[in-house]
Amino acid sequence: MKRPLDFAHIADIHLGYMQYGLEARLQDFNNAFREAVDKLIEIKPDFILICGDLFHHPRPSNMTLEFAIEQLCRLKSAGIPVLAVDGSHDSAPNSVTGTILRPLDRAGLLIHLPSRPGSCYEGDAYYIYGVGYLRGRSKEAVLSDYVREFPPRPDPSKFNVMAFHMAVSHEALGVPRHIRGVSPKALPPGFDYYAGGHIHRPCLVRLLELGLPGQGYLAYSGSTETVNYREADYDKGFYLIHVSTDKHVEVERIGLEGVRKFVVFEEDITGLSPPKATELLADRIRAMDEREAVLIPIITGELPPGASLSEVDLTAIRSAASLALAVRPVLRAYEAELPELTMPSEREDIRKRAYRHLVEIFKGKGVEEPEKLAEAAIELIEPLLAGDEKQAMALLEGLAHED
């Protein structure tokens, strides 16, 4: 290489995402990108790679677009080129809408790699090949077609980078099983650094660990804000890559400090009636309450027979916090199956089984003295079936008198 090289790798910024319908969360994603731009201007790398999902929607609002333009103008004024590929969010699955990155390219605010001849960009010390999000059931087949149409031409005398927005499936990368990806072997060879987007957990793996030639890395820089509560513990930031003239690579993690705090915790409500479960969860929210945080109670367990999940008062749980920005319960509990009733020919009389069945139902509803109510219900069956309203009313009045 002619000279040393520094460049930044960032992805999954998701500008315009109003998470939970909150204006504050929309601003959080803006703030994270602004902080990243502040740090990048201070570092002043040779270039910046945005590996997809700069925006959360292919048609961002005017306000979101204005903010993005302001930040890109700041980078341009600082003399830092921005190279980008489109992601699954900021490109639409049709040729009419396309990707918002193309007009930003035409305006000179970034270089949209897939729009350039050969899907690449070259400098005196580097060659960058870019592949945006590829739609299709077989990612490897679609990638193969793309590489065939736009063959990469890495230059051994330069530092070669492939920017992409897709999942690469390998245990070392920790890509979730439900995400369809490509194997490392499907990536075109000859690159020193594979810069990925789409996976929100930061990850840095040597090429040798993936069975690929070279001394470099395949990396996902992760997201800059929490797009899903499951990602709350992931470090938010980007990578800064230092390359020496002999292509020795050092990767530095640049973290973002201003991201929103998420407090995620699990609560098991097994055996509790919905009112008791609601009370327990509200108490937990009050105990975990933290100023401006997002609280995510994950509600697990099994409700008693006869109890319904719809009876767990999520509104009361959300309103239990006084300091947090928001409370967003995740309901993973389930309803117990009611015990089966059997025919009278079996050992126990159906009346006894019905009684036990009703006791379980009333317990699940949080009813006091469920046995007494179950017994009264059984007594009511015969007069109701016989149409004897007087006897039925007498039984009900007797029950009310006892209360």
Protein backbone atom coordinates (compact mmCIF):
# COMPACT_ATOMS: atom_id res chain seq x y z
CA MET A 1 0.00 0.00 0.00
CA LYS A 2 1.11 3.55 -0.75
CA ARG A 3 0.16 4.91 2.67
CA PRO A 4 -1.55 4.02 5.95
CA LEU A 5 -5.34 4.11 5.97
CA ASP A 6 -8.04 4.81 8.53
CA PHE A 7 -11.73 4.27 7.83
CA ALA A 8 -14.95 3.94 9.81
CA HIS A 9 -17.53 1.17 9.53
CA ILE A 10 -21.04 2.02 10.74
CA ALA A 11 -24.47 0.55 10.00
CA ASP A 12 -28.10 0.17 11.10
CA ILE A 13 -28.71 3.76 12.14
CA HIS A 14 -32.47 3.63 11.47
CA LEU A 15 -33.19 7.35 11.26
CA GLY A 16 -36.93 8.04 11.38
CA TYR A 17 -37.87 5.15 13.64
CA MET A 18 -40.52 6.38 16.06
CA GLN A 19 -40.30 3.35 18.33
CA TYR A 20 -43.41 2.72 20.46
CA GLY A 21 -44.97 5.75 18.76
CA LEU A 22 -42.87 8.05 20.94
CA GLU A 23 -41.36 11.29 19.64
CA ALA A 24 -38.58 10.89 22.22
CA ARG A 25 -37.51 7.59 20.63
CA LEU A 26 -37.46 9.21 17.18
CA GLN A 27 -35.08 11.82 18.61
CA ASP A 28 -32.97 9.10 20.25
CA PHE A 29 -32.06 7.65 16.86
CA ASN A 30 -31.21 11.16 15.61
CA ASN A 31 -29.11 11.84 18.70
CA ALA A 32 -27.15 8.60 18.30
CA PHE A 33 -26.24 9.48 14.70
CA ARG A 34 -25.35 13.06 15.66
CA GLU A 35 -23.03 11.74 18.36
CA ALA A 36 -21.44 9.36 15.86
CA VAL A 37 -20.92 12.23 13.40
CA ASP A 38 -19.38 14.37 16.17
CA LYS A 39 -16.87 11.61 16.91
CA LEU A 40 -16.15 10.98 13.21
CA ILE A 41 -15.42 14.64 12.55
CA GLU A 42 -13.02 14.62 15.49
CA ILE A 43 -11.33 11.40 14.26
CA LYS A 44 -11.40 12.43 10.58
CA PRO A 45 -10.92 9.03 8.90
CA ASP A 46 -10.11 8.71 5.20
CA PHE A 47 -13.70 7.64 4.54
CA ILE A 48 -16.82 6.29 6.23
CA LEU A 49 -18.72 3.17 5.20
CA ILE A 50 -22.45 3.06 5.98
CA CYS A 51 -23.45 -0.57 5.51
CA GLY A 52 -27.20 -0.18 5.14
CA ASP A 53 -30.28 1.02 7.02
CA LEU A 54 -29.29 4.64 7.36
CA PHE A 55 -33.06 5.15 7.37
CA HIS A 56 -35.83 3.06 8.90
CA HIS A 57 -38.17 3.63 5.94
CA PRO A 58 -37.48 3.93 2.20
CA ARG A 59 -39.61 7.08 2.19
CA PRO A 60 -38.50 9.00 5.29
CA SER A 61 -40.40 12.06 6.46
CA ASN A 62 -39.21 15.49 5.40
CA MET A 63 -37.97 16.16 8.93
CA THR A 64 -35.94 12.94 9.02
CA LEU A 65 -34.52 13.61 5.57
CA GLU A 66 -33.60 17.16 6.58
CA PHE A 67 -31.77 15.88 9.66
CA ALA A 68 -29.85 13.28 7.62
CA ILE A 69 -28.84 15.92 5.07
CA GLU A 70 -27.61 18.22 7.85
CA GLN A 71 -25.36 15.49 9.27
CA LEU A 72 -24.07 14.42 5.85
CA CYS A 73 -23.31 18.07 5.06
CA ARG A 74 -21.27 18.29 8.26
CA LEU A 75 -19.20 15.30 7.14
CA LYS A 76 -18.78 16.74 3.65
CA SER A 77 -17.64 20.09 5.09
CA ALA A 78 -15.09 18.19 7.17
CA GLY A 79 -13.76 16.59 3.98
CA ILE A 80 -14.75 13.03 4.91
CA PRO A 81 -16.23 10.98 2.04
CA VAL A 82 -19.23 8.81 2.94
CA LEU A 83 -19.72 5.56 1.01
CA ALA A 84 -22.94 3.61 1.48
CA VAL A 85 -24.99 0.60 0.48
CA ASP A 86 -28.73 0.36 0.97
CA GLY A 87 -30.24 -1.89 3.61
CA SER A 88 -33.45 -3.86 4.03
CA HIS A 89 -35.22 -0.83 5.53
CA ASP A 90 -34.06 2.07 3.38
CA SER A 91 -34.70 0.31 0.08
CA ALA A 92 -38.17 -0.63 -1.15
CA PRO A 93 -39.03 -3.94 -2.86
CA ASN A 94 -40.01 -2.17 -6.08
CA SER A 95 -38.25 -0.26 -8.82
CA VAL A 96 -40.51 2.79 -8.48
CA THR A 97 -39.56 3.75 -4.93
CA GLY A 98 -36.03 2.33 -5.02
CA THR A 99 -33.70 3.62 -2.34
CA ILE A 100 -33.47 7.08 -0.81
CA LEU A 101 -29.67 6.80 -1.05
CA ARG A 102 -29.69 7.42 -4.80
CA PRO A 103 -30.87 11.06 -4.63
CA LEU A 104 -28.42 11.66 -1.79
CA ASP A 105 -25.72 10.33 -4.10
CA ARG A 106 -26.85 12.65 -6.90
CA ALA A 107 -26.72 15.57 -4.47
CA GLY A 108 -23.09 14.76 -3.70
CA LEU A 109 -23.73 13.96 -0.04
CA LEU A 110 -22.65 10.32 -0.20
CA ILE A 111 -21.42 7.73 -2.67
CA HIS A 112 -24.01 5.02 -3.23
CA LEU A 113 -21.78 2.12 -4.21
CA PRO A 114 -24.37 0.01 -6.10
CA SER A 115 -25.10 3.04 -8.34
CA ARG A 116 -21.46 3.34 -9.39
CA PRO A 117 -19.94 1.50 -12.37
CA GLY A 118 -18.85 -1.94 -11.20
CA SER A 119 -20.64 -1.34 -7.89
CA CYS A 120 -17.37 0.02 -6.54
CA TYR A 121 -15.28 3.06 -5.63
CA GLU A 122 -11.52 3.39 -5.68
CA GLY A 123 -8.99 5.63 -3.96
CA ASP A 124 -5.22 5.77 -4.06
CA ALA A 125 -4.90 3.25 -1.20
CA TYR A 126 -8.21 1.38 -1.25
CA TYR A 127 -10.79 -0.43 -3.37
CA ILE A 128 -14.38 -0.66 -2.07
CA TYR A 129 -16.96 -3.04 -3.52
CA GLY A 130 -20.54 -2.58 -2.34
CA VAL A 131 -23.55 -4.90 -2.32
CA GLY A 132 -26.83 -3.59 -0.94
CA TYR A 133 -29.67 -5.67 0.46
CA LEU A 134 -30.59 -8.42 -1.98
CA ARG A 135 -34.19 -9.60 -1.91
CA GLY A 136 -35.03 -13.20 -2.72
CA ARG A 137 -35.62 -16.56 -1.08
CA SER A 138 -32.12 -17.88 -1.83
CA LYS A 139 -29.66 -15.24 -0.71
CA GLU A 140 -26.68 -17.17 -2.05
CA ALA A 141 -28.23 -17.46 -5.51
CA VAL A 142 -29.10 -13.76 -5.60
CA LEU A 143 -25.60 -12.81 -4.42
CA SER A 144 -24.06 -15.09 -7.03
CA ASP A 145 -26.13 -13.41 -9.76
CA TYR A 146 -25.11 -9.97 -8.53
CA VAL A 147 -21.42 -10.83 -8.44
CA ARG A 148 -21.72 -12.31 -11.93
CA GLU A 149 -23.32 -9.12 -13.25
CA PHE A 150 -20.95 -6.80 -11.36
CA PRO A 151 -17.73 -8.76 -10.91
CA PRO A 152 -15.52 -7.40 -8.13
CA ARG A 153 -11.92 -6.54 -9.01
CA PRO A 154 -9.93 -6.21 -5.79
CA ASP A 155 -6.44 -4.76 -6.25
CA PRO A 156 -3.68 -6.62 -4.35
CA SER A 157 -1.65 -3.38 -4.13
CA LYS A 158 -4.48 -1.69 -2.20
CA PHE A 159 -6.60 -2.41 0.86
CA ASN A 160 -9.76 -4.12 -0.39
CA VAL A 161 -13.09 -3.82 1.39
CA MET A 162 -16.45 -5.40 0.61
CA ALA A 163 -19.44 -3.54 2.08
CA PHE A 164 -22.71 -5.47 2.29
CA HIS A 165 -26.07 -5.64 4.06
CA MET A 166 -26.96 -9.27 4.65
CA ALA A 167 -26.52 -12.03 7.19
CA VAL A 168 -23.49 -14.29 6.94
CA SER A 169 -24.31 -17.55 8.68
CA HIS A 170 -21.56 -18.95 10.86
CA GLU A 171 -21.46 -19.92 14.55
CA ALA A 172 -18.55 -17.55 15.15
CA LEU A 173 -20.77 -14.63 14.05
CA GLY A 174 -23.71 -15.58 16.25
CA VAL A 175 -26.28 -14.90 13.54
CA PRO A 176 -29.78 -15.91 14.76
CA ARG A 177 -31.04 -19.13 13.16
CA HIS A 178 -34.28 -17.58 11.88
CA ILE A 179 -32.34 -15.11 9.69
CA ARG A 180 -31.66 -16.51 6.24
CA GLY A 181 -28.10 -15.75 5.29
CA VAL A 182 -25.21 -16.82 3.11
CA SER A 183 -22.25 -18.97 4.05
CA PRO A 184 -18.84 -17.28 4.26
CA LYS A 185 -17.77 -19.31 1.23
CA ALA A 186 -20.42 -17.52 -0.87
CA LEU A 187 -18.64 -14.17 -0.43
CA PRO A 188 -16.38 -13.14 -3.31
CA PRO A 189 -12.71 -13.67 -2.39
CA GLY A 190 -9.83 -11.23 -2.41
CA PHE A 191 -10.94 -8.76 0.27
CA ASP A 192 -9.08 -7.74 3.40
CA TYR A 193 -12.11 -6.55 5.34
CA TYR A 194 -15.77 -7.54 4.91
CA ALA A 195 -17.95 -4.75 6.37
CA GLY A 196 -21.45 -5.93 7.21
CA GLY A 197 -24.78 -4.45 8.14
CA HIS A 198 -28.17 -6.02 9.01
CA ILE A 199 -27.04 -7.84 12.17
CA HIS A 200 -27.44 -5.46 15.10
CA ARG A 201 -24.99 -7.16 17.45
CA PRO A 202 -21.41 -5.92 16.96
CA CYS A 203 -19.14 -8.75 15.92
CA LEU A 204 -15.54 -8.98 14.75
CA VAL A 205 -14.16 -12.30 13.48
CA ARG A 206 -10.92 -13.10 11.72
CA LEU A 207 -11.25 -14.44 8.20
CA LEU A 208 -9.30 -17.56 9.12
CA GLU A 209 -11.97 -18.48 11.69
CA LEU A 210 -14.53 -18.41 8.88
CA GLY A 211 -12.46 -20.55 6.54
CA LEU A 212 -11.62 -17.55 4.34
CA PRO A 213 -8.13 -16.64 3.12
CA GLY A 214 -6.32 -13.60 4.44
CA GLN A 215 -5.33 -11.96 7.70
CA GLY A 216 -8.24 -9.52 7.85
CA TYR A 217 -11.71 -9.53 9.37
CA LEU A 218 -15.41 -9.91 8.73
CA ALA A 219 -17.31 -7.50 10.96
CA TYR A 220 -20.75 -6.26 11.87
CA SER A 221 -20.58 -2.84 13.49
CA GLY A 222 -23.99 -3.28 15.15
CA SER A 223 -26.73 -0.68 15.48
CA THR A 224 -26.34 2.80 16.93
CA GLU A 225 -29.54 2.60 19.01
CA THR A 226 -31.79 -0.14 20.40
CA VAL A 227 -34.07 -1.18 17.55
CA ASN A 228 -35.54 -4.13 19.48
CA TYR A 229 -35.57 -4.71 23.24
CA ARG A 230 -33.70 -8.00 22.67
CA GLU A 231 -30.73 -5.85 21.63
CA ALA A 232 -30.73 -3.74 24.78
CA ASP A 233 -27.46 -5.21 26.10
CA TYR A 234 -25.58 -4.86 22.82
CA ASP A 235 -22.83 -2.26 22.69
CA LYS A 236 -23.84 0.68 20.48
CA GLY A 237 -21.28 2.35 18.25
CA PHE A 238 -19.07 1.75 15.23
CA TYR A 239 -15.65 0.41 14.22
CA LEU A 240 -12.59 2.43 13.32
CA ILE A 241 -10.15 0.43 11.21
CA HIS A 242 -6.43 1.29 11.14
CA VAL A 243 -4.44 -0.19 8.24
CA SER A 244 -0.65 0.01 7.94
CA THR A 245 1.26 0.11 4.65
CA ASP A 246 1.90 -3.64 4.92
CA LYS A 247 -1.87 -4.23 5.42
CA HIS A 248 -1.68 -4.96 9.11
CA VAL A 249 -5.17 -4.32 10.49
CA GLU A 250 -6.17 -3.02 13.90
CA VAL A 251 -9.85 -2.51 14.69
CA GLU A 252 -10.92 -0.04 17.38
CA ARG A 253 -14.38 0.07 18.90
CA ILE A 254 -15.89 3.56 19.23
CA GLY A 255 -18.83 3.48 21.63
CA LEU A 256 -21.77 5.88 21.89
CA GLU A 257 -22.57 7.13 25.37
CA GLY A 258 -25.87 8.92 24.83
CA VAL A 259 -28.11 5.98 23.93
CA ARG A 260 -31.37 5.36 25.77
CA LYS A 261 -31.24 2.91 28.67
CA PHE A 262 -33.47 -0.16 28.52
CA VAL A 263 -34.28 -2.17 31.65
CA VAL A 264 -35.38 -5.67 30.64
CA PHE A 265 -36.48 -8.15 33.30
CA GLU A 266 -38.57 -11.31 33.55
CA GLU A 267 -41.43 -12.04 35.94
CA ASP A 268 -43.09 -15.45 36.34
CA ILE A 269 -46.80 -15.29 37.22
CA THR A 270 -47.43 -19.04 37.39
CA GLY A 271 -50.43 -19.89 39.56
CA LEU A 272 -51.46 -16.29 40.15
CA SER A 273 -54.92 -14.99 39.34
CA PRO A 274 -54.92 -12.06 36.87
CA PRO A 275 -55.58 -9.48 39.65
CA LYS A 276 -52.73 -10.88 41.74
CA ALA A 277 -50.46 -11.02 38.69
CA THR A 278 -51.29 -7.40 37.87
CA GLU A 279 -50.54 -6.36 41.45
CA LEU A 280 -47.21 -8.20 41.46
CA LEU A 281 -46.13 -6.72 38.13
CA ALA A 282 -47.13 -3.19 39.13
CA ASP A 283 -45.05 -3.56 42.31
CA ARG A 284 -42.08 -4.75 40.26
CA ILE A 285 -42.40 -1.81 37.89
CA ARG A 286 -42.40 0.61 40.83
CA ALA A 287 -39.29 -1.10 42.20
CA MET A 288 -37.47 -1.01 38.84
CA ASP A 289 -38.59 2.49 37.89
CA GLU A 290 -35.75 4.62 36.55
CA ARG A 291 -35.76 8.14 35.16
CA GLU A 292 -36.10 8.29 31.34
CA ALA A 293 -35.47 4.55 30.93
CA VAL A 294 -37.59 2.15 28.88
CA LEU A 295 -38.84 -0.70 31.08
CA ILE A 296 -39.56 -4.05 29.44
CA PRO A 297 -41.20 -6.55 31.81
CA ILE A 298 -41.28 -9.97 30.15
CA ILE A 299 -44.26 -11.78 31.65
CA THR A 300 -43.89 -15.57 31.68
CA GLY A 301 -45.55 -18.55 33.35
CA GLU A 302 -48.93 -20.27 33.37
CA LEU A 303 -52.16 -18.77 34.60
CA PRO A 304 -54.52 -21.02 36.62
CA PRO A 305 -57.25 -22.92 34.75
CA GLY A 306 -60.09 -20.61 33.79
CA ALA A 307 -58.00 -17.44 33.99
CA SER A 308 -57.59 -15.37 30.83
CA LEU A 309 -54.53 -13.40 29.72
CA SER A 310 -56.86 -10.59 28.68
CA GLU A 311 -57.66 -10.11 32.37
CA VAL A 312 -54.06 -9.14 33.18
CA ASP A 313 -54.34 -5.34 33.34
CA LEU A 314 -51.51 -4.11 31.11
CA THR A 315 -52.73 -0.52 31.43
CA ALA A 316 -52.29 -0.64 35.21
CA ILE A 317 -48.84 -2.18 34.76
CA ARG A 318 -47.76 0.54 32.32
CA SER A 319 -49.04 3.33 34.55
CA ALA A 320 -47.20 2.01 37.64
CA ALA A 321 -44.02 3.86 36.61
CA SER A 322 -43.62 7.55 37.37
CA LEU A 323 -40.03 8.14 36.22
CA ALA A 324 -39.54 5.92 33.17
CA LEU A 325 -40.02 7.14 29.62
CA ALA A 326 -42.19 4.11 28.83
CA VAL A 327 -43.22 0.68 30.09
CA ARG A 328 -43.73 -1.92 27.37
CA PRO A 329 -44.84 -5.30 28.77
CA VAL A 330 -44.09 -8.39 26.70
CA LEU A 331 -46.72 -11.05 27.40
CA ARG A 332 -45.29 -14.55 27.06
CA ALA A 333 -47.44 -16.23 29.72
CA TYR A 334 -50.06 -18.76 28.66
CA GLU A 335 -53.40 -19.98 29.87
CA ALA A 336 -53.67 -23.40 31.53
CA GLU A 337 -55.95 -25.91 29.90
CA LEU A 338 -59.12 -26.66 31.83
CA PRO A 339 -59.34 -30.19 33.26
CA GLU A 340 -61.44 -32.48 31.12
CA LEU A 341 -64.91 -33.48 32.28
CA THR A 342 -65.69 -37.19 32.04
CA MET A 343 -68.89 -39.14 31.58
CA PRO A 344 -70.81 -40.50 34.60
CA SER A 345 -69.87 -44.06 33.74
CA GLU A 346 -66.37 -43.37 35.05
CA ARG A 347 -65.45 -43.80 38.72
CA GLU A 348 -66.34 -40.36 39.97
CA ASP A 349 -69.77 -38.83 39.68
CA ILE A 350 -69.92 -36.06 37.06
CA ARG A 351 -71.32 -33.75 39.72
CA LYS A 352 -68.12 -34.09 41.74
CA ARG A 353 -65.97 -33.50 38.67
CA ALA A 354 -68.00 -30.45 37.69
CA TYR A 355 -67.56 -29.13 41.21
CA ARG A 356 -63.76 -29.52 41.06
CA HIS A 357 -63.74 -28.00 37.57
CA LEU A 358 -65.63 -24.91 38.76
CA VAL A 359 -63.42 -24.52 41.83
CA GLU A 360 -60.38 -24.32 39.55
CA ILE A 361 -62.09 -21.75 37.34
CA PHE A 362 -63.09 -19.55 40.28
CA LYS A 363 -59.60 -19.79 41.78
CA GLY A 364 -58.20 -18.60 38.46
CA LYS A 365 -60.52 -15.62 38.62
CA GLY A 366 -59.28 -14.71 42.09
CA VAL A 367 -62.69 -15.40 43.66
CA GLU A 368 -62.81 -15.62 47.45
CA GLU A 369 -64.21 -18.91 48.80
CA PRO A 370 -64.28 -20.62 45.39
CA GLU A 371 -65.59 -23.85 46.93
CA LYS A 372 -68.76 -22.15 48.19
CA LEU A 373 -69.42 -20.53 44.81
CA ALA A 374 -68.80 -23.80 42.97
CA GLU A 375 -71.25 -25.63 45.23
CA ALA A 376 -73.91 -22.97 44.62
CA ALA A 377 -73.35 -23.19 40.87
CA ILE A 378 -73.87 -26.96 40.98
CA GLU A 379 -77.09 -26.53 42.98
CA LEU A 380 -78.37 -24.06 40.37
CA ILE A 381 -78.02 -26.46 37.45
CA GLU A 382 -81.13 -28.57 38.11
CA PRO A 383 -83.69 -25.74 38.71
CA LEU A 384 -82.33 -23.83 35.72
CA LEU A 385 -82.62 -26.86 33.43
CA ALA A 386 -86.13 -27.54 34.78
CA GLY A 387 -87.16 -23.91 34.28
CA ASP A 388 -87.89 -23.52 38.01
CA GLU A 389 -87.11 -19.82 38.37
CA LYS A 390 -88.44 -19.61 41.93
CA GLN A 391 -86.10 -22.27 43.23
CA ALA A 392 -83.18 -20.75 41.33
CA MET A 393 -83.93 -17.30 42.79
CA ALA A 394 -84.23 -18.78 46.27
CA LEU A 395 -80.79 -20.36 45.95
CA LEU A 396 -79.28 -17.08 44.74
CA GLU A 397 -80.92 -15.10 47.54
CA GLY A 398 -79.61 -17.60 50.06
CA LEU A 399 -76.13 -17.21 48.65
CA ALA A 400 -76.39 -13.41 48.78
CA HIS A 401 -77.65 -13.57 52.38
CA GLU A 402 -74.63 -15.68 53.41
CA ASP A 403 -72.28 -13.06 51.90
